[in-house]
Amino acid sequence: MNRRANLRTVLEELSAEGITGAVTRASVLGVDDRELHAMLRGKYISNESAREIEWAMQRREGWMDEDHRRGLLDL
């Protein structure tokens, strides 16, 4: 669950930077565009893919596994 939510977060960040299109975003993240589409549709995000996305987005190892949603206590 965290990995998919965090994947959506990084895709939003890429869109905000003007990086759009499935092939381009997948390339930036270091994954195949079909794999990216499958991950967004519910396919398991492997450790290898999670680490590759973290590296591509300059996140520390394990970032994809954490819950980064803001709760009411964070307001």
PDB file of N, CA and C in Angstrom:
ATOM      1  N   MET A   1       0.823  -1.194   0.000  1.00  0.00           N
ATOM      2  CA  MET A   1       0.000   0.000   0.000  1.00  0.00           C
ATOM      3  C   MET A   1       0.866   1.258   0.000  1.00  0.00           C
ATOM      4  N   ASN A   2       1.854   1.312   0.890  1.00  0.00           N
ATOM      5  CA  ASN A   2       2.724   2.485   0.934  1.00  0.00           C
ATOM      6  C   ASN A   2       3.472   2.679  -0.373  1.00  0.00           C
ATOM      7  N   ARG A   3       3.958   1.601  -0.936  1.00  0.00           N
ATOM      8  CA  ARG A   3       4.729   1.730  -2.176  1.00  0.00           C
ATOM      9  C   ARG A   3       3.890   2.324  -3.298  1.00  0.00           C
ATOM     10  N   ARG A   4       2.658   1.879  -3.439  1.00  0.00           N
ATOM     11  CA  ARG A   4       1.813   2.399  -4.512  1.00  0.00           C
ATOM     12  C   ARG A   4       1.464   3.869  -4.267  1.00  0.00           C
ATOM     13  N   ALA A   5       1.143   4.213  -3.026  1.00  0.00           N
ATOM     14  CA  ALA A   5       0.840   5.613  -2.697  1.00  0.00           C
ATOM     15  C   ALA A   5       2.063   6.489  -2.950  1.00  0.00           C
ATOM     16  N   ASN A   6       3.229   5.994  -2.584  1.00  0.00           N
ATOM     17  CA  ASN A   6       4.449   6.769  -2.786  1.00  0.00           C
ATOM     18  C   ASN A   6       4.818   6.853  -4.264  1.00  0.00           C
ATOM     19  N   LEU A   7       4.503   5.817  -5.022  1.00  0.00           N
ATOM     20  CA  LEU A   7       4.705   5.875  -6.468  1.00  0.00           C
ATOM     21  C   LEU A   7       3.842   6.981  -7.061  1.00  0.00           C
ATOM     22  N   ARG A   8       2.603   7.057  -6.627  1.00  0.00           N
ATOM     23  CA  ARG A   8       1.724   8.134  -7.119  1.00  0.00           C
ATOM     24  C   ARG A   8       2.280   9.507  -6.737  1.00  0.00           C
ATOM     25  N   THR A   9       2.844   9.608  -5.543  1.00  0.00           N
ATOM     26  CA  THR A   9       3.442  10.872  -5.100  1.00  0.00           C
ATOM     27  C   THR A   9       4.583  11.284  -6.020  1.00  0.00           C
ATOM     28  N   VAL A  10       5.489  10.359  -6.333  1.00  0.00           N
ATOM     29  CA  VAL A  10       6.614  10.730  -7.194  1.00  0.00           C
ATOM     30  C   VAL A  10       6.142  11.039  -8.613  1.00  0.00           C
ATOM     31  N   LEU A  11       5.095  10.379  -9.071  1.00  0.00           N
ATOM     32  CA  LEU A  11       4.556  10.699 -10.395  1.00  0.00           C
ATOM     33  C   LEU A  11       3.948  12.099 -10.414  1.00  0.00           C
ATOM     34  N   GLU A  12       3.301  12.488  -9.323  1.00  0.00           N
ATOM     35  CA  GLU A  12       2.775  13.854  -9.219  1.00  0.00           C
ATOM     36  C   GLU A  12       3.915  14.866  -9.232  1.00  0.00           C
ATOM     37  N   GLU A  13       5.006  14.546  -8.550  1.00  0.00           N
ATOM     38  CA  GLU A  13       6.173  15.432  -8.543  1.00  0.00           C
ATOM     39  C   GLU A  13       6.750  15.581  -9.950  1.00  0.00           C
ATOM     40  N   LEU A  14       6.846  14.480 -10.667  1.00  0.00           N
ATOM     41  CA  LEU A  14       7.349  14.545 -12.038  1.00  0.00           C
ATOM     42  C   LEU A  14       6.426  15.384 -12.915  1.00  0.00           C
ATOM     43  N   SER A  15       5.125  15.214 -12.757  1.00  0.00           N
ATOM     44  CA  SER A  15       4.166  16.009 -13.532  1.00  0.00           C
ATOM     45  C   SER A  15       4.316  17.490 -13.226  1.00  0.00           C
ATOM     46  N   ALA A  16       4.518  17.816 -11.950  1.00  0.00           N
ATOM     47  CA  ALA A  16       4.695  19.214 -11.553  1.00  0.00           C
ATOM     48  C   ALA A  16       5.955  19.816 -12.181  1.00  0.00           C
ATOM     49  N   GLU A  17       6.928  18.969 -12.478  1.00  0.00           N
ATOM     50  CA  GLU A  17       8.166  19.416 -13.121  1.00  0.00           C
ATOM     51  C   GLU A  17       8.049  19.406 -14.644  1.00  0.00           C
ATOM     52  N   GLY A  18       6.861  19.075 -15.149  1.00  0.00           N
ATOM     53  CA  GLY A  18       6.634  19.057 -16.585  1.00  0.00           C
ATOM     54  C   GLY A  18       7.022  17.756 -17.256  1.00  0.00           C
ATOM     55  N   ILE A  19       7.297  16.739 -16.452  1.00  0.00           N
ATOM     56  CA  ILE A  19       7.657  15.430 -16.996  1.00  0.00           C
ATOM     57  C   ILE A  19       6.380  14.606 -17.069  1.00  0.00           C
ATOM     58  N   THR A  20       5.854  14.469 -18.273  1.00  0.00           N
ATOM     59  CA  THR A  20       4.587  13.773 -18.469  1.00  0.00           C
ATOM     60  C   THR A  20       4.768  12.660 -19.485  1.00  0.00           C
ATOM     61  N   GLY A  21       3.768  11.859 -19.615  1.00  0.00           N
ATOM     62  CA  GLY A  21       3.813  10.735 -20.542  1.00  0.00           C
ATOM     63  C   GLY A  21       4.394   9.512 -19.863  1.00  0.00           C
ATOM     64  N   ALA A  22       3.736   8.402 -20.063  1.00  0.00           N
ATOM     65  CA  ALA A  22       4.110   7.162 -19.376  1.00  0.00           C
ATOM     66  C   ALA A  22       5.527   6.723 -19.705  1.00  0.00           C
ATOM     67  N   VAL A  23       5.908   6.790 -20.962  1.00  0.00           N
ATOM     68  CA  VAL A  23       7.235   6.325 -21.363  1.00  0.00           C
ATOM     69  C   VAL A  23       8.316   7.204 -20.746  1.00  0.00           C
ATOM     70  N   THR A  24       8.122   8.506 -20.784  1.00  0.00           N
ATOM     71  CA  THR A  24       9.108   9.431 -20.227  1.00  0.00           C
ATOM     72  C   THR A  24       9.231   9.265 -18.727  1.00  0.00           C
ATOM     73  N   ARG A  25       8.109   9.210 -18.025  1.00  0.00           N
ATOM     74  CA  ARG A  25       8.158   9.064 -16.567  1.00  0.00           C
ATOM     75  C   ARG A  25       8.777   7.732 -16.175  1.00  0.00           C
ATOM     76  N   ALA A  26       8.430   6.667 -16.876  1.00  0.00           N
ATOM     77  CA  ALA A  26       9.018   5.360 -16.585  1.00  0.00           C
ATOM     78  C   ALA A  26      10.529   5.400 -16.786  1.00  0.00           C
ATOM     79  N   SER A  27      10.962   6.046 -17.852  1.00  0.00           N
ATOM     80  CA  SER A  27      12.390   6.158 -18.128  1.00  0.00           C
ATOM     81  C   SER A  27      13.112   6.911 -17.014  1.00  0.00           C
ATOM     82  N   VAL A  28      12.535   8.004 -16.562  1.00  0.00           N
ATOM     83  CA  VAL A  28      13.126   8.777 -15.464  1.00  0.00           C
ATOM     84  C   VAL A  28      13.227   7.923 -14.206  1.00  0.00           C
ATOM     85  N   LEU A  29      12.216   7.100 -13.958  1.00  0.00           N
ATOM     86  CA  LEU A  29      12.188   6.263 -12.752  1.00  0.00           C
ATOM     87  C   LEU A  29      13.010   4.983 -12.891  1.00  0.00           C
ATOM     88  N   GLY A  30      13.493   4.708 -14.085  1.00  0.00           N
ATOM     89  CA  GLY A  30      14.325   3.528 -14.285  1.00  0.00           C
ATOM     90  C   GLY A  30      13.558   2.225 -14.406  1.00  0.00           C
ATOM     91  N   VAL A  31      12.291   2.323 -14.810  1.00  0.00           N
ATOM     92  CA  VAL A  31      11.476   1.122 -14.996  1.00  0.00           C
ATOM     93  C   VAL A  31      10.870   1.141 -16.395  1.00  0.00           C
ATOM     94  N   ASP A  32      10.425   0.006 -16.848  1.00  0.00           N
ATOM     95  CA  ASP A  32       9.755  -0.125 -18.134  1.00  0.00           C
ATOM     96  C   ASP A  32       8.362   0.500 -18.041  1.00  0.00           C
ATOM     97  N   ASP A  33       7.890   1.132 -19.121  1.00  0.00           N
ATOM     98  CA  ASP A  33       6.581   1.787 -19.072  1.00  0.00           C
ATOM     99  C   ASP A  33       5.448   0.798 -18.829  1.00  0.00           C
ATOM    100  N   ARG A  34       5.567  -0.428 -19.348  1.00  0.00           N
ATOM    101  CA  ARG A  34       4.530  -1.434 -19.082  1.00  0.00           C
ATOM    102  C   ARG A  34       4.540  -1.837 -17.611  1.00  0.00           C
ATOM    103  N   GLU A  35       5.736  -1.920 -17.040  1.00  0.00           N
ATOM    104  CA  GLU A  35       5.871  -2.253 -15.616  1.00  0.00           C
ATOM    105  C   GLU A  35       5.264  -1.142 -14.757  1.00  0.00           C
ATOM    106  N   LEU A  36       5.532   0.110 -15.118  1.00  0.00           N
ATOM    107  CA  LEU A  36       4.964   1.239 -14.381  1.00  0.00           C
ATOM    108  C   LEU A  36       3.442   1.179 -14.424  1.00  0.00           C
ATOM    109  N   HIS A  37       2.889   0.943 -15.593  1.00  0.00           N
ATOM    110  CA  HIS A  37       1.429   0.846 -15.731  1.00  0.00           C
ATOM    111  C   HIS A  37       0.886  -0.289 -14.865  1.00  0.00           C
ATOM    112  N   ALA A  38       1.560  -1.425 -14.885  1.00  0.00           N
ATOM    113  CA  ALA A  38       1.118  -2.578 -14.086  1.00  0.00           C
ATOM    114  C   ALA A  38       1.184  -2.268 -12.592  1.00  0.00           C
ATOM    115  N   MET A  39       2.238  -1.580 -12.162  1.00  0.00           N
ATOM    116  CA  MET A  39       2.362  -1.226 -10.742  1.00  0.00           C
ATOM    117  C   MET A  39       1.222  -0.305 -10.313  1.00  0.00           C
ATOM    118  N   LEU A  40       0.864   0.630 -11.173  1.00  0.00           N
ATOM    119  CA  LEU A  40      -0.227   1.548 -10.850  1.00  0.00           C
ATOM    120  C   LEU A  40      -1.574   0.836 -10.806  1.00  0.00           C
ATOM    121  N   ARG A  41      -1.695  -0.259 -11.540  1.00  0.00           N
ATOM    122  CA  ARG A  41      -2.949  -1.014 -11.580  1.00  0.00           C
ATOM    123  C   ARG A  41      -3.013  -2.125 -10.545  1.00  0.00           C
ATOM    124  N   GLY A  42      -2.011  -2.203  -9.669  1.00  0.00           N
ATOM    125  CA  GLY A  42      -2.104  -3.156  -8.573  1.00  0.00           C
ATOM    126  C   GLY A  42      -1.043  -4.235  -8.523  1.00  0.00           C
ATOM    127  N   LYS A  43      -0.194  -4.318  -9.547  1.00  0.00           N
ATOM    128  CA  LYS A  43       0.871  -5.324  -9.530  1.00  0.00           C
ATOM    129  C   LYS A  43       1.820  -5.029  -8.369  1.00  0.00           C
ATOM    130  N   TYR A  44       2.327  -6.089  -7.766  1.00  0.00           N
ATOM    131  CA  TYR A  44       3.278  -5.970  -6.672  1.00  0.00           C
ATOM    132  C   TYR A  44       4.490  -5.150  -7.115  1.00  0.00           C
ATOM    133  N   ILE A  45       4.905  -4.206  -6.287  1.00  0.00           N
ATOM    134  CA  ILE A  45       6.097  -3.406  -6.558  1.00  0.00           C
ATOM    135  C   ILE A  45       7.260  -4.086  -5.840  1.00  0.00           C
ATOM    136  N   SER A  46       8.146  -4.663  -6.607  1.00  0.00           N
ATOM    137  CA  SER A  46       9.252  -5.443  -6.044  1.00  0.00           C
ATOM    138  C   SER A  46      10.234  -4.555  -5.288  1.00  0.00           C
ATOM    139  N   ASN A  47      11.036  -5.190  -4.454  1.00  0.00           N
ATOM    140  CA  ASN A  47      12.094  -4.462  -3.744  1.00  0.00           C
ATOM    141  C   ASN A  47      13.032  -3.790  -4.741  1.00  0.00           C
ATOM    142  N   GLU A  48      13.376  -4.509  -5.799  1.00  0.00           N
ATOM    143  CA  GLU A  48      14.276  -3.958  -6.815  1.00  0.00           C
ATOM    144  C   GLU A  48      13.687  -2.701  -7.458  1.00  0.00           C
ATOM    145  N   SER A  49      12.418  -2.748  -7.821  1.00  0.00           N
ATOM    146  CA  SER A  49      11.769  -1.584  -8.431  1.00  0.00           C
ATOM    147  C   SER A  49      11.669  -0.433  -7.442  1.00  0.00           C
ATOM    148  N   ALA A  50      11.316  -0.733  -6.206  1.00  0.00           N
ATOM    149  CA  ALA A  50      11.207   0.314  -5.182  1.00  0.00           C
ATOM    150  C   ALA A  50      12.544   1.013  -4.982  1.00  0.00           C
ATOM    151  N   ARG A  51      13.630   0.230  -4.905  1.00  0.00           N
ATOM    152  CA  ARG A  51      14.954   0.826  -4.708  1.00  0.00           C
ATOM    153  C   ARG A  51      15.373   1.648  -5.920  1.00  0.00           C
ATOM    154  N   GLU A  52      15.028   1.196  -7.126  1.00  0.00           N
ATOM    155  CA  GLU A  52      15.357   1.930  -8.347  1.00  0.00           C
ATOM    156  C   GLU A  52      14.629   3.272  -8.378  1.00  0.00           C
ATOM    157  N   ILE A  53      13.359   3.270  -8.002  1.00  0.00           N
ATOM    158  CA  ILE A  53      12.576   4.511  -7.971  1.00  0.00           C
ATOM    159  C   ILE A  53      13.142   5.462  -6.924  1.00  0.00           C
ATOM    160  N   GLU A  54      13.482   4.940  -5.761  1.00  0.00           N
ATOM    161  CA  GLU A  54      14.092   5.781  -4.715  1.00  0.00           C
ATOM    162  C   GLU A  54      15.374   6.424  -5.227  1.00  0.00           C
ATOM    163  N   TRP A  55      16.220   5.643  -5.868  1.00  0.00           N
ATOM    164  CA  TRP A  55      17.480   6.166  -6.382  1.00  0.00           C
ATOM    165  C   TRP A  55      17.218   7.253  -7.424  1.00  0.00           C
ATOM    166  N   ALA A  56      16.298   6.975  -8.349  1.00  0.00           N
ATOM    167  CA  ALA A  56      15.995   7.918  -9.424  1.00  0.00           C
ATOM    168  C   ALA A  56      15.451   9.236  -8.887  1.00  0.00           C
ATOM    169  N   MET A  57      14.683   9.165  -7.799  1.00  0.00           N
ATOM    170  CA  MET A  57      14.067  10.364  -7.223  1.00  0.00           C
ATOM    171  C   MET A  57      14.893  10.945  -6.072  1.00  0.00           C
ATOM    172  N   GLN A  58      16.092  10.408  -5.877  1.00  0.00           N
ATOM    173  CA  GLN A  58      17.009  10.879  -4.841  1.00  0.00           C
ATOM    174  C   GLN A  58      16.395  10.798  -3.449  1.00  0.00           C
ATOM    175  N   ARG A  59      15.735   9.680  -3.206  1.00  0.00           N
ATOM    176  CA  ARG A  59      15.178   9.393  -1.879  1.00  0.00           C
ATOM    177  C   ARG A  59      16.081   8.372  -1.198  1.00  0.00           C
ATOM    178  N   ARG A  60      16.087   8.381   0.101  1.00  0.00           N
ATOM    179  CA  ARG A  60      16.902   7.405   0.825  1.00  0.00           C
ATOM    180  C   ARG A  60      16.278   6.017   0.692  1.00  0.00           C
ATOM    181  N   GLU A  61      17.105   5.002   0.854  1.00  0.00           N
ATOM    182  CA  GLU A  61      16.635   3.627   0.755  1.00  0.00           C
ATOM    183  C   GLU A  61      15.572   3.356   1.812  1.00  0.00           C
ATOM    184  N   GLY A  62      14.474   2.782   1.403  1.00  0.00           N
ATOM    185  CA  GLY A  62      13.364   2.474   2.296  1.00  0.00           C
ATOM    186  C   GLY A  62      12.236   3.494   2.247  1.00  0.00           C
ATOM    187  N   TRP A  63      12.451   4.620   1.587  1.00  0.00           N
ATOM    188  CA  TRP A  63      11.439   5.680   1.524  1.00  0.00           C
ATOM    189  C   TRP A  63      10.126   5.171   0.933  1.00  0.00           C
ATOM    190  N   MET A  64      10.215   4.333  -0.085  1.00  0.00           N
ATOM    191  CA  MET A  64       9.002   3.818  -0.735  1.00  0.00           C
ATOM    192  C   MET A  64       8.162   2.960   0.204  1.00  0.00           C
ATOM    193  N   ASP A  65       8.775   2.416   1.250  1.00  0.00           N
ATOM    194  CA  ASP A  65       8.077   1.514   2.169  1.00  0.00           C
ATOM    195  C   ASP A  65       7.380   2.244   3.314  1.00  0.00           C
ATOM    196  N   GLU A  66       7.610   3.526   3.438  1.00  0.00           N
ATOM    197  CA  GLU A  66       7.072   4.296   4.561  1.00  0.00           C
ATOM    198  C   GLU A  66       5.784   5.013   4.185  1.00  0.00           C
ATOM    199  N   ASP A  67       4.981   5.291   5.190  1.00  0.00           N
ATOM    200  CA  ASP A  67       3.733   6.032   5.013  1.00  0.00           C
ATOM    201  C   ASP A  67       4.052   7.518   5.119  1.00  0.00           C
ATOM    202  N   HIS A  68       3.893   8.234   4.018  1.00  0.00           N
ATOM    203  CA  HIS A  68       4.190   9.667   3.989  1.00  0.00           C
ATOM    204  C   HIS A  68       2.931  10.525   3.934  1.00  0.00           C
ATOM    205  N   ARG A  69       1.789   9.888   4.129  1.00  0.00           N
ATOM    206  CA  ARG A  69       0.545  10.669   4.145  1.00  0.00           C
ATOM    207  C   ARG A  69       0.485  11.476   5.427  1.00  0.00           C
ATOM    208  N   ARG A  70      -0.078  12.637   5.336  1.00  0.00           N
ATOM    209  CA  ARG A  70      -0.196  13.500   6.510  1.00  0.00           C
ATOM    210  C   ARG A  70      -1.487  13.172   7.241  1.00  0.00           C
ATOM    211  N   GLY A  71      -1.376  12.963   8.529  1.00  0.00           N
ATOM    212  CA  GLY A  71      -2.544  12.689   9.357  1.00  0.00           C
ATOM    213  C   GLY A  71      -3.039  13.954  10.033  1.00  0.00           C
ATOM    214  N   LEU A  72      -4.135  13.847  10.742  1.00  0.00           N
ATOM    215  CA  LEU A  72      -4.703  15.000  11.437  1.00  0.00           C
ATOM    216  C   LEU A  72      -3.737  15.574  12.462  1.00  0.00           C
ATOM    217  N   LEU A  73      -2.925  14.744  13.063  1.00  0.00           N
ATOM    218  CA  LEU A  73      -1.987  15.228  14.069  1.00  0.00           C
ATOM    219  C   LEU A  73      -0.847  16.027  13.463  1.00  0.00           C
ATOM    220  N   ASP A  74      -0.679  15.945  12.157  1.00  0.00           N
ATOM    221  CA  ASP A  74       0.399  16.659  11.486  1.00  0.00           C
ATOM    222  C   ASP A  74       0.012  18.076  11.087  1.00  0.00           C
ATOM    223  N   LEU A  75      -1.223  18.460  11.307  1.00  0.00           N
ATOM    224  CA  LEU A  75      -1.675  19.787  10.873  1.00  0.00           C
ATOM    225  C   LEU A  75      -1.048  20.898  11.660  1.00  0.00           C
TER     226      LEU A  75
END
